[in-house]
Amino acid sequence: MADLGPRLASAVVLMAVAVAALVAGGLVFALLAGVAAALILVEWVGMTGPYALRAAPKLAVLFVGLSVVIATRDWRASAIAVGAVAIGLLLAGAVEARLRWLAAGVLYAGLSGIAAVVLRGDAPAGVASLGLVATCFVFLLVWATDTGAYFAGRHLGGPKLWSAVSPKKTWSGAIGGLLAAVVVGLAVGSFAGIATLAPLAFIAALLSVVSQAGDLAESSMKRHFGVKDSGRLIPGHGGIMDRVDGLVVALVLAAAIGLVRSGGGDAGGGLMVW
């Protein structure tokens, strides 16, 4: 309860900033996504090794942030560049093992930011594009997953989902989160006027499962390195990674589905039009 005030204040501020950037789209949203990706990599580096005085992580953070912003013009080039840098760091990991973790962090942060930009698209501010709907769809269903899992797990309890990694998570919570995501996903689809909702329900369920897997993966990583929170940036909440661990992987999968269905064009349209 002592943290309730800071938690609520932080949540309101973060939500206001995210919604404003999401509606604005274009370069504004790309800048927010780039900053978020850079901060995620900063926290990743902080957890995986004492790189504070080294040049490589600082350059990687700058590179990731710029790659996300540049993705507004050419997401393919940005994704290839991020992948190439990650491969280079992975190969260098033969000399210094911690560089392998940096390689994974570059992929994790860079591709998630690029995915967010690709899914949102470049529609002008104020235009209710399918990219805006698609990005809202992903954000809302991840939020619904977290909320549904919290309340279902708290009130129903039952067998643990993976006690060695996250002692508080239960199967009832996981199922509750999935059902909440499907309900919210269908509501967004109906509001957007999408005629065929059954495939959208499946996508919502898939993204919910992936979101929960991302949450568990970050919990496992924190246990591996013996840290409680990924950082201290957000009062009452910990770090950026603690808030977006599920969203990161959900955005990447959603953007990939949208790009495949649209033939590499409008990822938002590819995700939302069935």
Protein backbone atom coordinates (compact mmCIF):
# COMPACT_ATOMS: atom_id res chain seq x y z
CA MET A 1 0.00 0.00 0.00
CA ALA A 2 2.92 2.36 0.64
CA ASP A 3 3.80 2.17 -3.06
CA LEU A 4 0.23 2.62 -4.27
CA GLY A 5 0.47 6.39 -4.77
CA PRO A 6 3.70 6.36 -6.80
CA ARG A 7 2.50 3.34 -8.77
CA LEU A 8 -0.77 5.01 -9.74
CA ALA A 9 0.92 8.31 -10.59
CA SER A 10 3.54 6.55 -12.72
CA ALA A 11 0.90 4.48 -14.49
CA VAL A 12 -1.20 7.54 -15.33
CA VAL A 13 1.79 9.49 -16.69
CA LEU A 14 3.06 6.54 -18.73
CA MET A 15 -0.38 5.86 -20.16
CA ALA A 16 -0.90 9.51 -21.09
CA VAL A 17 2.46 9.71 -22.88
CA ALA A 18 1.92 6.39 -24.68
CA VAL A 19 -1.61 7.27 -25.82
CA ALA A 20 -0.58 10.72 -27.05
CA ALA A 21 2.34 9.30 -29.07
CA LEU A 22 0.23 6.42 -30.35
CA VAL A 23 -2.46 8.77 -31.66
CA ALA A 24 0.11 11.14 -33.16
CA GLY A 25 1.88 8.31 -34.98
CA GLY A 26 4.67 8.98 -37.47
CA LEU A 27 7.92 10.40 -36.15
CA VAL A 28 6.44 11.18 -32.71
CA PHE A 29 5.58 7.55 -32.05
CA ALA A 30 8.87 6.40 -33.57
CA LEU A 31 10.81 8.68 -31.22
CA LEU A 32 8.98 7.28 -28.20
CA ALA A 33 9.55 3.72 -29.44
CA GLY A 34 13.23 4.50 -30.04
CA VAL A 35 13.70 5.94 -26.55
CA ALA A 36 11.88 2.97 -25.02
CA ALA A 37 14.03 0.51 -26.98
CA ALA A 38 17.22 2.29 -25.89
CA LEU A 39 16.11 2.26 -22.23
CA ILE A 40 15.25 -1.43 -22.47
CA LEU A 41 18.77 -2.13 -23.72
CA VAL A 42 20.26 0.00 -20.93
CA GLU A 43 18.43 -2.14 -18.36
CA TRP A 44 19.38 -5.34 -20.18
CA VAL A 45 23.05 -4.33 -20.06
CA GLY A 46 22.71 -3.39 -16.39
CA MET A 47 21.40 -6.84 -15.55
CA THR A 48 23.77 -8.90 -17.66
CA GLY A 49 27.16 -7.38 -16.89
CA PRO A 50 29.15 -4.42 -15.55
CA TYR A 51 29.52 -2.54 -18.82
CA ALA A 52 29.16 0.96 -17.38
CA LEU A 53 32.58 2.17 -18.56
CA ARG A 54 32.71 0.26 -21.85
CA ALA A 55 32.07 1.75 -25.27
CA ALA A 56 30.29 -1.20 -26.93
CA PRO A 57 27.07 -1.09 -24.89
CA LYS A 58 26.81 2.70 -25.18
CA LEU A 59 27.18 2.50 -28.95
CA ALA A 60 24.66 -0.35 -29.04
CA VAL A 61 22.10 1.71 -27.12
CA LEU A 62 22.50 4.65 -29.52
CA PHE A 63 22.35 2.33 -32.53
CA VAL A 64 19.15 0.63 -31.35
CA GLY A 65 17.38 3.92 -30.70
CA LEU A 66 18.34 5.33 -34.10
CA SER A 67 17.40 2.08 -35.87
CA VAL A 68 13.88 2.27 -34.50
CA VAL A 69 13.44 5.88 -35.63
CA ILE A 70 14.87 5.15 -39.09
CA ALA A 71 12.38 2.27 -39.40
CA THR A 72 9.70 4.86 -40.21
CA ARG A 73 11.37 5.19 -43.62
CA ASP A 74 12.82 1.73 -44.22
CA TRP A 75 12.01 -0.94 -41.66
CA ARG A 76 13.70 -3.68 -43.68
CA ALA A 77 17.06 -1.91 -43.61
CA SER A 78 16.69 -1.23 -39.89
CA ALA A 79 15.83 -4.86 -39.11
CA ILE A 80 18.74 -6.13 -41.21
CA ALA A 81 21.12 -3.71 -39.50
CA VAL A 82 19.97 -4.78 -36.03
CA GLY A 83 20.35 -8.44 -37.01
CA ALA A 84 23.81 -7.86 -38.46
CA VAL A 85 25.04 -6.05 -35.34
CA ALA A 86 23.63 -8.81 -33.15
CA ILE A 87 25.40 -11.47 -35.23
CA GLY A 88 28.66 -9.50 -35.03
CA LEU A 89 28.38 -9.26 -31.24
CA LEU A 90 27.50 -12.94 -31.05
CA LEU A 91 30.65 -13.86 -32.98
CA ALA A 92 32.69 -11.54 -30.76
CA GLY A 93 31.23 -13.43 -27.81
CA ALA A 94 33.81 -16.12 -28.46
CA VAL A 95 36.33 -13.66 -27.00
CA GLU A 96 34.14 -12.15 -24.28
CA ALA A 97 31.12 -14.18 -23.22
CA ARG A 98 29.09 -11.19 -22.01
CA LEU A 99 28.92 -9.89 -25.58
CA ARG A 100 26.57 -12.78 -26.32
CA TRP A 101 24.14 -11.27 -23.84
CA LEU A 102 24.59 -7.88 -25.48
CA ALA A 103 23.79 -9.48 -28.85
CA ALA A 104 20.56 -10.89 -27.44
CA GLY A 105 19.72 -7.51 -25.93
CA VAL A 106 20.21 -5.71 -29.24
CA LEU A 107 17.77 -8.11 -30.90
CA TYR A 108 15.28 -7.94 -28.02
CA ALA A 109 15.22 -4.15 -27.80
CA GLY A 110 15.78 -3.31 -31.45
CA LEU A 111 13.26 -5.63 -33.05
CA SER A 112 10.57 -4.79 -30.49
CA GLY A 113 10.91 -1.08 -31.25
CA ILE A 114 10.95 -1.66 -35.00
CA ALA A 115 7.90 -3.93 -34.69
CA ALA A 116 5.97 -1.21 -32.84
CA VAL A 117 6.78 1.35 -35.55
CA VAL A 118 5.93 -1.05 -38.38
CA LEU A 119 2.62 -2.05 -36.80
CA ARG A 120 1.57 1.57 -36.14
CA GLY A 121 2.45 2.67 -39.68
CA ASP A 122 2.94 6.24 -40.85
CA ALA A 123 -0.64 7.55 -41.05
CA PRO A 124 -0.88 11.29 -40.28
CA ALA A 125 -1.84 12.47 -36.80
CA GLY A 126 -5.55 12.24 -36.13
CA VAL A 127 -6.21 9.60 -38.80
CA ALA A 128 -7.86 6.46 -37.41
CA SER A 129 -5.81 4.05 -39.51
CA LEU A 130 -5.73 0.29 -39.25
CA GLY A 131 -2.20 0.68 -37.94
CA LEU A 132 -3.54 2.69 -35.00
CA VAL A 133 -6.27 0.09 -34.41
CA ALA A 134 -3.77 -2.78 -34.66
CA THR A 135 -1.35 -1.21 -32.19
CA CYS A 136 -4.18 -0.42 -29.76
CA PHE A 137 -5.33 -4.03 -30.19
CA VAL A 138 -1.95 -5.37 -29.08
CA PHE A 139 -1.50 -2.88 -26.23
CA LEU A 140 -5.00 -3.51 -24.86
CA LEU A 141 -4.89 -7.28 -25.04
CA VAL A 142 -1.51 -7.39 -23.26
CA TRP A 143 -2.97 -5.13 -20.56
CA ALA A 144 -6.05 -7.39 -20.40
CA THR A 145 -3.81 -10.44 -20.09
CA ASP A 146 -1.93 -8.94 -17.15
CA THR A 147 -5.11 -7.74 -15.44
CA GLY A 148 -7.08 -10.93 -16.03
CA ALA A 149 -4.18 -13.08 -14.86
CA TYR A 150 -3.76 -11.01 -11.69
CA PHE A 151 -7.40 -11.18 -10.62
CA ALA A 152 -7.99 -14.80 -11.67
CA GLY A 153 -4.81 -15.97 -9.96
CA ARG A 154 -5.53 -13.96 -6.83
CA HIS A 155 -9.12 -15.17 -6.41
CA LEU A 156 -8.92 -18.71 -7.81
CA GLY A 157 -5.37 -19.76 -6.93
CA GLY A 158 -4.51 -23.37 -7.70
CA PRO A 159 -1.45 -25.07 -9.18
CA LYS A 160 1.58 -22.92 -9.93
CA LEU A 161 2.44 -22.18 -13.55
CA TRP A 162 6.23 -22.31 -13.08
CA SER A 163 7.12 -21.96 -9.42
CA ALA A 164 10.89 -22.11 -9.98
CA VAL A 165 10.74 -18.92 -12.05
CA SER A 166 7.66 -17.05 -10.79
CA PRO A 167 6.22 -18.42 -7.53
CA LYS A 168 3.06 -16.28 -7.66
CA LYS A 169 1.84 -17.16 -11.16
CA THR A 170 -0.82 -19.88 -11.42
CA TRP A 171 -2.51 -21.82 -14.19
CA SER A 172 -5.81 -20.20 -13.26
CA GLY A 173 -4.18 -16.81 -13.73
CA ALA A 174 -2.76 -17.80 -17.11
CA ILE A 175 -6.16 -19.02 -18.33
CA GLY A 176 -7.91 -15.98 -16.89
CA GLY A 177 -5.46 -13.70 -18.69
CA LEU A 178 -5.99 -15.54 -21.96
CA LEU A 179 -9.79 -15.30 -21.72
CA ALA A 180 -9.62 -11.61 -20.84
CA ALA A 181 -7.39 -10.99 -23.87
CA VAL A 182 -9.80 -12.76 -26.20
CA VAL A 183 -12.75 -10.73 -24.89
CA VAL A 184 -10.86 -7.44 -25.27
CA GLY A 185 -9.55 -8.45 -28.70
CA LEU A 186 -13.06 -9.22 -29.93
CA ALA A 187 -14.30 -5.92 -28.51
CA VAL A 188 -11.62 -3.98 -30.38
CA GLY A 189 -12.36 -5.89 -33.58
CA SER A 190 -16.07 -5.26 -33.27
CA PHE A 191 -15.49 -1.57 -32.56
CA ALA A 192 -13.27 -1.36 -35.65
CA GLY A 193 -15.98 -2.93 -37.79
CA ILE A 194 -14.12 -6.13 -38.62
CA ALA A 195 -16.59 -8.61 -40.06
CA THR A 196 -14.79 -11.91 -39.37
CA LEU A 197 -13.94 -12.05 -35.69
CA ALA A 198 -13.07 -15.74 -35.24
CA PRO A 199 -9.51 -15.42 -36.65
CA LEU A 200 -9.02 -12.30 -34.55
CA ALA A 201 -9.99 -14.25 -31.42
CA PHE A 202 -7.34 -16.84 -32.28
CA ILE A 203 -4.72 -14.10 -32.81
CA ALA A 204 -5.68 -12.51 -29.48
CA ALA A 205 -5.28 -15.87 -27.71
CA LEU A 206 -1.93 -16.50 -29.43
CA LEU A 207 -0.59 -13.05 -28.53
CA SER A 208 -1.79 -13.51 -24.94
CA VAL A 209 0.12 -16.79 -24.64
CA VAL A 210 3.23 -15.23 -26.15
CA SER A 211 2.88 -12.21 -23.85
CA GLN A 212 2.79 -14.46 -20.79
CA ALA A 213 5.78 -16.40 -22.10
CA GLY A 214 7.68 -13.11 -22.43
CA ASP A 215 6.82 -12.25 -18.84
CA LEU A 216 8.11 -15.62 -17.66
CA ALA A 217 11.27 -15.28 -19.75
CA GLU A 218 12.13 -11.96 -18.13
CA SER A 219 11.42 -13.42 -14.67
CA SER A 220 13.78 -16.29 -15.48
CA MET A 221 16.45 -13.85 -16.63
CA LYS A 222 16.17 -11.78 -13.45
CA ARG A 223 16.48 -14.91 -11.31
CA HIS A 224 19.51 -15.99 -13.32
CA PHE A 225 21.27 -12.70 -12.59
CA GLY A 226 19.92 -12.34 -9.06
CA VAL A 227 18.00 -9.08 -9.47
CA LYS A 228 14.51 -8.18 -8.27
CA ASP A 229 13.69 -5.48 -10.83
CA SER A 230 15.18 -4.67 -14.21
CA GLY A 231 15.74 -1.07 -13.10
CA ARG A 232 14.47 1.81 -10.99
CA LEU A 233 13.32 4.22 -13.65
CA ILE A 234 9.57 4.09 -12.91
CA PRO A 235 8.56 4.90 -9.30
CA GLY A 236 6.69 2.00 -7.76
CA HIS A 237 7.08 -0.17 -10.86
CA GLY A 238 10.79 -0.90 -11.28
CA GLY A 239 12.21 -0.68 -14.78
CA ILE A 240 10.91 -0.38 -18.32
CA MET A 241 11.48 -4.09 -18.94
CA ASP A 242 9.34 -4.95 -15.93
CA ARG A 243 6.42 -3.14 -17.58
CA VAL A 244 6.84 -4.22 -21.20
CA ASP A 245 8.25 -7.77 -21.02
CA GLY A 246 5.02 -9.24 -22.37
CA LEU A 247 4.37 -6.39 -24.79
CA VAL A 248 7.78 -6.74 -26.46
CA VAL A 249 7.23 -10.25 -27.79
CA ALA A 250 3.55 -9.62 -28.55
CA LEU A 251 4.46 -6.64 -30.74
CA VAL A 252 7.11 -8.61 -32.64
CA LEU A 253 4.72 -11.49 -33.35
CA ALA A 254 1.83 -9.17 -34.26
CA ALA A 255 4.00 -7.20 -36.69
CA ALA A 256 5.31 -10.42 -38.24
CA ILE A 257 1.77 -11.76 -38.76
CA GLY A 258 0.67 -8.45 -40.25
CA LEU A 259 3.63 -8.27 -42.62
CA VAL A 260 3.17 -11.86 -43.81
CA ARG A 261 -0.54 -11.34 -44.47
CA SER A 262 0.01 -8.02 -46.23
CA GLY A 263 2.92 -9.25 -48.32
CA GLY A 264 5.39 -6.96 -46.57
CA GLY A 265 3.21 -3.85 -46.83
CA ASP A 266 0.74 -2.55 -44.26
CA ALA A 267 1.37 -4.62 -41.12
CA GLY A 268 -1.53 -3.01 -39.23
CA GLY A 269 -3.93 -3.81 -42.05
CA GLY A 270 -2.54 -7.32 -42.36
CA LEU A 271 -3.20 -7.98 -38.67
CA MET A 272 -6.68 -6.47 -38.46
CA VAL A 273 -8.38 -7.25 -41.81
CA TRP A 274 -9.60 -10.83 -42.17
